[in-house]
Every structure is written in C-alpha cells, then in structure tokens.
C-alpha cells in the first residue's frame, strides 16, 4: 500500500440540481384521482382527505397528496364543542399552518395583496418528492360549477428575487402555466394572473405544499374564479359535517383531470483528483513479491522494469483512518513510462 498527500488543487466541490416527477411510477401529470371512504370516515378524515392515483383497494394504490380546509374562525367543520364553535378541525389546521409558516399566532395570510382568513390545503405525500418541489413545474387544473375551469401555476419565472417568509420560500399561485402568469382582466382592471381577492394562494416548495385562496376560487368566472361553493366562504360560524369542504376541493381537483408537478434535489459532489506521476506507485507492496528472509525481490524483471496494476483508491485522514474507497472499473497498468489521472466523485 502506498500513500500520497493531496494538495488543495486536488479537490473540487460541485452542486447539481436533479428533478423528478412527484407522482406514482414517475408520472409527471396525474390524471386520475381516488379517495377512500374508510379514511374519510376516520378521525383523520376530520382534517384531511387522502388522494390516491387508483382505487384505494387496489394493490398499487399509494397516497399522492392530501387535501384540507383551514379557517381562522373554525367555520367549515364541526366544532369540538358546540358551546365553543370557533374551535374545530378547520381552525386547528389554520393554526398549524400559521405557526409553521408565519411563526406568529397574530400574523395573517396575505395572498397577493389581500388578507384572507381561510384557504384550502394541498400537501404532497412526503415520500413522493425529494428535497423540495420544483418551482415552475406546477400546472394544476381546477374545475368549478358548470364549465368553469382554471389552470394554476406558481409565479417563480415572474420574480427576480426569490421571496421568503421566515426562511421558507413562498411563491404566489397565479393563473398561468409553467411558472408564468397570464394577464387577465378581472373587474375592469388588468391583473397578472390574480383576482380582486388576491392571488390564488401560496406555493411552498420547501414544505411540499400549496395553500389555495378559497375566496379567489369562489369568484365567478368573469372575476377570475371558478364559482366554487363551499361552507365558510363568508367567514361565518355555519359549521357543517366533517370533510365537506375537503370533498369540494377534491371534486375541483379531480374534475380538472390534470395535476403536473416535479420535485427537486440539490446533490453536492466532492471531486478528488488522484494523480499518480510516472515515478510513483510503480512497485507493489504485496509480500508475495519478496523473500521472507532477506526482503529481496523474487523476480528480477521487476527490479529495473516494474509493472503494477492500480485497482483501488483509498482516501485517508491525517489519523490514517480510511474514510472512503473507490474501485476502478478495471485494473489500470502503471510503470515508469505512464502517469494516470483518477477522478473520485463523492455524492452526499
């Protein structure tokens, strides 16, 4: 075994972005949507509705994302205690997402430039994406009453500076496609992919979720919405059966029959360049090449014209501890007439 100390020029750090579809079997566009009546009737169904790519009883069924409804005043779901109507699953979800994103129980959600007290939640199953969702890949078609349909995306291509809220990337969800808003006319004024009720929500790539502005979706088609009717649209206390609003947004998503989304992962690689020069690593340390008594080379041809084969590169620290091992695809011949450049790539 032979050793050589690396120099700073032997190291290089590189970062690459890897993207992949979010949905089952590497599908980019999810076009079939199924829910489970069993899950909906369970205690979990009071909060969110799981969406599958096939019937939940199918052997290949896998949860793709979850749908929920959050309301600051607790409207839209049955209260835990009828005497205290403002506390319900919808208010619990509102508080959870407010603490997660805004980190302030007195802060409000501002979609575009409009403050709203309720929203729908689309949370991608964590096992379906890598490090985060990929901005610009979102294309979600929603279907409302009648023939009302709208395609939503994030505005990542329209902003020059990445927007953050408490360290979390927050893009506005707008009408458009592939990360760019379309210019529409709503209520007599021109707005880039937004409505008088604000944007269509927030795209949260680092949290794997989207918050959809319920009030914007409730607008008429002429005003930029899809005329989505749901309980709690006026912020009242008219609570209904659990899961009712979850089913409404599920029908809007499944009726659109198209949900495109990719995930993203930043892979950092360390490149280590191993450079055996012509005068180095030409003799083997294999004990079978020398005599056990005198230490002489057994084969005279290896004295003046040695030839060895490099098969493995080991990376050690200053304490002589082995940190990594790289195996060559095939042995590399080495003698005094040859030099080599071996590139070792470490991904983490």
Protein backbone atom coordinates (compact mmCIF):
# COMPACT_ATOMS: atom_id res chain seq x y z
CA UNK A 1 0.00 0.00 0.00
CA UNK A 2 1.35 3.42 -0.98
CA UNK A 3 0.26 6.86 0.23
CA UNK A 4 0.33 10.37 -1.20
CA UNK A 5 -0.87 13.59 0.43
CA UNK A 6 -3.40 15.64 -1.52
CA UNK A 7 -2.97 19.33 -2.27
CA UNK A 8 -5.78 21.94 -2.33
CA UNK A 9 -5.84 21.79 -6.14
CA UNK A 10 -6.80 18.10 -5.94
CA UNK A 11 -10.27 18.95 -4.54
CA UNK A 12 -13.31 20.43 -6.27
CA UNK A 13 -16.86 20.88 -4.93
CA UNK A 14 -19.79 20.89 -7.33
CA UNK A 15 -23.59 21.13 -6.87
CA UNK A 16 -26.18 19.83 -9.33
CA UNK A 17 -29.96 20.08 -9.31
CA UNK A 18 -31.81 16.84 -10.02
CA UNK A 19 -35.51 16.87 -10.88
CA UNK A 20 -38.02 14.02 -10.99
CA UNK A 21 -41.83 13.62 -11.26
CA UNK A 22 -43.77 13.67 -8.00
CA UNK A 23 -46.40 11.10 -8.78
CA UNK A 24 -46.60 7.31 -8.72
CA UNK A 25 -44.38 5.41 -11.15
CA UNK A 26 -42.52 8.61 -12.15
CA UNK A 27 -45.63 10.20 -13.62
CA UNK A 28 -45.42 13.96 -14.20
CA UNK A 29 -49.10 14.54 -14.98
CA UNK A 30 -51.54 12.93 -12.56
CA UNK A 31 -54.88 12.49 -14.34
CA UNK A 32 -56.76 10.01 -12.15
CA UNK A 33 -57.88 10.73 -8.60
CA UNK A 34 -59.44 8.46 -5.99
CA UNK A 35 -60.33 8.86 -2.32
CA UNK A 36 -61.01 6.34 0.42
CA UNK A 37 -64.38 6.28 2.14
CA UNK A 38 -62.74 4.46 5.08
CA UNK A 39 -60.10 7.14 5.54
CA UNK A 40 -62.69 9.89 5.15
CA UNK A 41 -64.84 8.36 7.89
CA UNK A 42 -61.89 8.01 10.26
CA UNK A 43 -60.66 10.65 12.71
CA UNK A 44 -58.02 11.67 10.14
CA UNK A 45 -60.82 12.45 7.71
CA UNK A 46 -61.98 15.25 10.01
CA UNK A 47 -58.86 17.14 8.94
CA UNK A 48 -57.58 15.95 5.57
CA UNK A 49 -58.64 13.76 2.67
CA UNK A 50 -56.04 11.43 1.16
CA UNK A 51 -55.95 11.24 -2.65
CA UNK A 52 -54.74 8.12 -4.50
CA UNK A 53 -53.78 7.50 -8.14
CA UNK A 54 -56.09 4.47 -8.28
CA UNK A 55 -58.81 2.91 -6.16
CA UNK A 56 -57.65 2.70 -2.54
CA UNK A 57 -58.43 -1.03 -2.55
CA UNK A 58 -56.05 -1.62 -5.47
CA UNK A 59 -52.73 -3.30 -4.64
CA UNK A 60 -50.82 -0.46 -6.35
CA UNK A 61 -52.72 2.32 -4.58
CA UNK A 62 -50.47 4.92 -2.98
CA UNK A 63 -51.29 8.26 -1.41
CA UNK A 64 -50.27 11.07 -3.77
CA UNK A 65 -51.34 14.10 -1.74
CA UNK A 66 -53.70 15.32 0.97
CA UNK A 67 -56.47 17.92 0.81
CA UNK A 68 -57.77 20.01 3.68
CA UNK A 69 -59.57 23.21 4.57
CA UNK A 70 -58.39 25.78 7.11
CA UNK A 71 -60.46 28.60 8.58
CA UNK A 72 -59.33 31.07 11.22
CA UNK A 73 -62.83 31.20 12.78
CA UNK A 74 -63.37 27.45 12.73
CA UNK A 75 -66.03 27.53 10.06
CA UNK A 76 -66.42 24.70 7.57
CA UNK A 77 -66.18 21.78 10.03
CA UNK A 78 -67.95 20.56 13.16
CA UNK A 79 -66.77 22.24 16.36
CA UNK A 80 -65.14 20.10 19.05
CA UNK A 81 -67.61 21.58 21.50
CA UNK A 82 -70.88 23.13 20.30
CA UNK A 83 -70.57 25.76 23.05
CA UNK A 84 -67.25 26.93 21.59
CA UNK A 85 -67.89 26.99 17.81
CA UNK A 86 -64.63 28.73 16.88
CA UNK A 87 -62.56 25.63 17.68
CA UNK A 88 -62.80 22.88 15.08
CA UNK A 89 -60.54 20.88 12.71
CA UNK A 90 -60.52 23.82 10.29
CA UNK A 91 -59.28 26.24 12.98
CA UNK A 92 -56.70 23.68 14.11
CA UNK A 93 -55.34 23.38 10.58
CA UNK A 94 -55.26 27.16 10.25
CA UNK A 95 -53.24 27.46 13.45
CA UNK A 96 -50.84 24.70 12.44
CA UNK A 97 -50.02 26.26 9.09
CA UNK A 98 -49.81 29.75 10.61
CA UNK A 99 -47.26 28.50 13.17
CA UNK A 100 -45.36 26.53 10.53
CA UNK A 101 -45.03 29.35 8.00
CA UNK A 102 -45.69 32.68 9.71
CA UNK A 103 -44.35 31.66 13.15
CA UNK A 104 -46.65 34.20 14.77
CA UNK A 105 -50.12 33.46 16.10
CA UNK A 106 -51.17 37.04 15.38
CA UNK A 107 -49.92 37.11 11.78
CA UNK A 108 -52.25 36.80 8.78
CA UNK A 109 -52.06 35.10 5.40
CA UNK A 110 -51.75 37.65 2.59
CA UNK A 111 -52.39 36.25 -0.87
CA UNK A 112 -51.07 38.78 -3.34
CA UNK A 113 -52.02 41.95 -1.51
CA UNK A 114 -55.25 40.71 0.11
CA UNK A 115 -55.50 39.29 3.63
CA UNK A 116 -57.65 36.16 3.82
CA UNK A 117 -58.86 34.09 6.77
CA UNK A 118 -59.37 30.74 5.05
CA UNK A 119 -57.73 28.54 2.43
CA UNK A 120 -57.59 25.03 1.02
CA UNK A 121 -54.50 22.90 1.63
CA UNK A 122 -52.79 20.66 -0.93
CA UNK A 123 -49.99 18.76 0.80
CA UNK A 124 -47.89 16.34 -1.29
CA UNK A 125 -47.12 12.98 0.32
CA UNK A 126 -43.55 13.28 1.67
CA UNK A 127 -42.37 10.02 0.11
CA UNK A 128 -43.28 11.36 -3.36
CA UNK A 129 -40.70 14.12 -3.60
CA UNK A 130 -37.01 14.51 -2.90
CA UNK A 131 -35.69 17.65 -1.24
CA UNK A 132 -38.43 20.05 -2.33
CA UNK A 133 -40.99 20.74 -5.03
CA UNK A 134 -39.64 22.23 -8.25
CA UNK A 135 -40.78 25.85 -8.87
CA UNK A 136 -42.12 26.33 -12.36
CA UNK A 137 -43.33 22.75 -12.74
CA UNK A 138 -46.75 23.29 -11.16
CA UNK A 139 -49.72 23.10 -13.51
CA UNK A 140 -52.95 22.39 -11.62
CA UNK A 141 -56.29 22.45 -13.44
CA UNK A 142 -59.33 23.11 -11.25
CA UNK A 143 -62.93 22.61 -12.32
CA UNK A 144 -65.79 24.53 -10.73
CA UNK A 145 -69.51 24.76 -11.31
CA UNK A 146 -70.66 24.33 -14.89
CA UNK A 147 -67.81 24.61 -17.37
CA UNK A 148 -65.66 26.89 -15.23
CA UNK A 149 -62.02 25.77 -15.31
CA UNK A 150 -58.74 27.41 -14.47
CA UNK A 151 -55.06 26.41 -14.72
CA UNK A 152 -52.89 27.47 -11.80
CA UNK A 153 -49.12 27.70 -11.51
CA UNK A 154 -46.56 29.48 -9.35
CA UNK A 155 -45.02 32.80 -10.36
CA UNK A 156 -41.39 31.69 -9.98
CA UNK A 157 -40.49 32.83 -13.51
CA UNK A 158 -42.01 36.27 -12.95
CA UNK A 159 -39.99 37.28 -9.88
CA UNK A 160 -36.36 38.38 -9.98
CA UNK A 161 -35.77 37.78 -6.25
CA UNK A 162 -36.83 34.58 -4.52
CA UNK A 163 -39.48 35.53 -1.90
CA UNK A 164 -39.05 34.20 1.64
CA UNK A 165 -41.18 34.20 4.77
CA UNK A 166 -39.22 33.22 7.88
CA UNK A 167 -36.73 31.23 5.82
CA UNK A 168 -39.37 29.44 3.73
CA UNK A 169 -39.72 30.10 0.01
CA UNK A 170 -43.21 31.39 -0.77
CA UNK A 171 -44.32 31.94 -4.36
CA UNK A 172 -47.73 33.29 -5.31
CA UNK A 173 -50.05 30.89 -7.11
CA UNK A 174 -51.41 32.58 -10.22
CA UNK A 175 -53.43 31.82 -13.31
CA UNK A 176 -50.99 30.65 -15.96
CA UNK A 177 -48.68 27.76 -16.72
CA UNK A 178 -45.09 26.57 -16.18
CA UNK A 179 -44.21 29.22 -13.62
CA UNK A 180 -45.51 32.24 -15.55
CA UNK A 181 -48.73 34.19 -15.05
CA UNK A 182 -51.11 35.12 -17.81
CA UNK A 183 -52.52 38.62 -17.94
CA UNK A 184 -56.26 38.65 -17.41
CA UNK A 185 -58.89 41.32 -16.96
CA UNK A 186 -60.98 40.99 -13.81
CA UNK A 187 -63.47 43.57 -12.67
CA UNK A 188 -62.32 46.05 -15.30
CA UNK A 189 -58.68 46.07 -14.17
CA UNK A 190 -55.73 44.17 -15.62
CA UNK A 191 -54.04 41.85 -13.15
CA UNK A 192 -51.16 39.42 -13.84
CA UNK A 193 -52.79 36.11 -13.02
CA UNK A 194 -54.54 37.36 -9.89
CA UNK A 195 -58.02 38.42 -8.81
CA UNK A 196 -59.61 41.17 -6.77
CA UNK A 197 -59.46 38.72 -3.85
CA UNK A 198 -55.71 38.39 -4.24
CA UNK A 199 -53.59 35.65 -5.75
CA UNK A 200 -54.83 32.07 -5.88
CA UNK A 201 -52.66 31.16 -2.92
CA UNK A 202 -49.12 30.25 -1.96
CA UNK A 203 -46.75 27.68 -3.44
CA UNK A 204 -44.42 26.36 -0.73
CA UNK A 205 -41.73 24.23 -2.42
CA UNK A 206 -39.69 23.61 0.73
CA UNK A 207 -42.76 22.37 2.62
CA UNK A 208 -44.14 20.31 -0.26
CA UNK A 209 -47.48 22.09 -0.13
CA UNK A 210 -49.82 24.66 -1.67
CA UNK A 211 -52.36 26.90 0.02
CA UNK A 212 -55.24 27.77 -2.29
CA UNK A 213 -57.08 31.04 -1.72
CA UNK A 214 -60.65 29.85 -1.18
CA UNK A 215 -62.16 33.29 -1.71
CA UNK A 216 -60.46 33.71 -5.09
CA UNK A 217 -61.78 30.33 -6.25
CA UNK A 218 -65.28 31.29 -5.09
CA UNK A 219 -65.38 34.23 -7.52
CA UNK A 220 -67.31 33.94 -10.74
CA UNK A 221 -65.52 33.04 -13.95
CA UNK A 222 -65.84 36.66 -15.11
CA UNK A 223 -63.94 37.74 -12.00
CA UNK A 224 -61.24 35.09 -12.36
CA UNK A 225 -62.65 32.29 -10.16
CA UNK A 226 -64.45 29.03 -10.80
CA UNK A 227 -67.58 29.81 -8.74
CA UNK A 228 -66.53 27.26 -6.12
CA UNK A 229 -69.24 26.97 -3.48
CA UNK A 230 -68.11 25.87 -0.03
CA UNK A 231 -69.05 26.36 3.60
CA UNK A 232 -67.17 29.13 5.34
CA UNK A 233 -66.70 31.34 2.29
CA UNK A 234 -68.03 34.32 4.26
CA UNK A 235 -66.05 33.52 7.39
CA UNK A 236 -69.20 32.65 9.34
CA UNK A 237 -69.75 30.02 12.01
CA UNK A 238 -72.08 27.82 9.93
CA UNK A 239 -70.26 24.57 10.59
CA UNK A 240 -71.12 21.51 8.53
CA UNK A 241 -70.24 17.83 8.51
CA UNK A 242 -66.56 16.98 8.71
CA UNK A 243 -64.86 16.58 5.36
CA UNK A 244 -67.45 18.53 3.39
CA UNK A 245 -65.02 21.21 2.22
CA UNK A 246 -62.32 18.58 1.68
CA UNK A 247 -64.66 16.84 -0.73
CA UNK A 248 -65.43 20.10 -2.51
CA UNK A 249 -61.80 20.84 -3.30
CA UNK A 250 -61.30 17.16 -4.17
CA UNK A 251 -64.08 17.42 -6.77
CA UNK A 252 -62.43 20.58 -8.17
CA UNK A 253 -59.05 18.84 -8.50
CA UNK A 254 -60.37 15.54 -9.85
CA UNK A 255 -62.69 17.38 -12.25
CA UNK A 256 -59.68 19.20 -13.73
CA UNK A 257 -58.08 15.79 -14.52
CA UNK A 258 -54.57 17.27 -14.65
CA UNK A 259 -52.07 17.89 -11.85
CA UNK A 260 -48.49 18.35 -13.08
CA UNK A 261 -45.65 18.63 -10.60
CA UNK A 262 -41.94 17.81 -10.31
CA UNK A 263 -39.64 17.52 -7.33
CA UNK A 264 -36.11 18.84 -6.99
CA UNK A 265 -32.97 17.81 -5.14
CA UNK A 266 -29.63 19.58 -4.88
CA UNK A 267 -26.87 16.99 -4.95
CA UNK A 268 -23.47 18.19 -3.72
CA UNK A 269 -20.46 16.32 -5.05
CA UNK A 270 -16.85 16.33 -3.91
CA UNK A 271 -14.37 15.56 -6.68
CA UNK A 272 -10.96 14.27 -5.60
CA UNK A 273 -8.29 14.06 -8.30
CA UNK A 274 -5.71 11.34 -7.72
CA UNK A 275 -2.58 11.90 -9.85
CA UNK A 276 -0.03 9.04 -9.78
CA UNK A 277 3.00 10.51 -11.58
CA UNK A 278 5.48 8.46 -13.62
CA UNK A 279 7.91 7.90 -10.75
CA UNK A 280 5.20 6.99 -8.21
CA UNK A 281 3.29 3.81 -7.33
CA UNK A 282 5.36 1.54 -9.61
CA UNK A 283 6.24 -1.07 -7.02
CA UNK A 284 3.82 -3.35 -5.26
CA UNK A 285 3.77 -3.88 -1.51
CA UNK A 286 2.38 -7.39 -1.94
CA UNK A 287 4.55 -9.65 0.28
CA UNK A 288 4.46 -12.43 -2.32
CA UNK A 289 6.92 -10.43 -4.47
CA UNK A 290 9.77 -10.52 -1.94
CA UNK A 291 11.54 -13.20 0.02
CA UNK A 292 10.57 -13.65 3.60
CA UNK A 293 14.16 -13.92 4.83
CA UNK A 294 16.14 -11.17 3.06
CA UNK A 295 13.35 -9.00 1.61
CA UNK A 296 14.76 -9.23 -1.90
CA UNK A 297 12.53 -9.05 -4.99
CA UNK A 298 11.79 -12.55 -6.20
CA UNK A 299 11.54 -11.64 -9.87
CA UNK A 300 14.49 -9.73 -11.32
CA UNK A 301 12.39 -8.24 -14.14
CA UNK A 302 10.54 -6.16 -11.53
CA UNK A 303 13.75 -4.54 -10.26
CA UNK A 304 14.52 -2.28 -13.23
CA UNK A 305 11.25 -2.58 -15.13
CA UNK A 306 8.46 -2.86 -12.56
CA UNK A 307 4.83 -3.04 -13.59
CA UNK A 308 1.80 -3.00 -11.30
CA UNK A 309 -1.95 -2.60 -11.65
CA UNK A 310 -3.98 0.02 -9.77
CA UNK A 311 -7.37 -1.40 -8.71
CA UNK A 312 -8.42 0.63 -5.65
CA UNK A 313 -8.05 4.15 -4.31
CA UNK A 314 -8.46 4.68 -0.58
CA UNK A 315 -8.96 8.11 0.99
CA UNK A 316 -7.48 8.54 4.47
CA UNK A 317 -7.40 11.36 7.01
CA UNK A 318 -4.35 12.54 8.93
CA UNK A 319 -5.02 9.92 11.61
CA UNK A 320 -4.57 7.22 8.96
CA UNK A 321 -8.27 6.30 9.17
CA UNK A 322 -9.90 5.04 5.98
CA UNK A 323 -12.78 7.35 5.02
CA UNK A 324 -13.77 6.18 1.56
CA UNK A 325 -12.85 3.55 -1.02
CA UNK A 326 -13.11 3.89 -4.80
CA UNK A 327 -12.93 0.84 -7.04
CA UNK A 328 -11.77 1.18 -10.63
CA UNK A 329 -13.95 -0.43 -13.30
CA UNK A 330 -10.88 -2.34 -14.50
CA UNK A 331 -7.22 -2.59 -13.36
CA UNK A 332 -5.05 0.30 -14.53
CA UNK A 333 -1.50 -0.67 -15.60
CA UNK A 334 1.25 1.53 -14.12
CA UNK A 335 5.03 1.71 -14.74
CA UNK A 336 7.75 4.36 -15.09
CA UNK A 337 6.50 5.33 -18.55
CA UNK A 338 2.93 6.05 -17.52
CA UNK A 339 1.04 8.62 -15.49
CA UNK A 340 -2.62 8.50 -14.52
CA UNK A 341 -5.45 10.82 -13.51
CA UNK A 342 -8.18 9.17 -11.45
CA UNK A 343 -11.25 11.25 -10.57
CA UNK A 344 -13.09 10.14 -7.43
CA UNK A 345 -16.64 11.51 -7.02
CA UNK A 346 -18.29 11.62 -3.59
CA UNK A 347 -22.03 12.40 -3.55
CA UNK A 348 -23.83 13.37 -0.37
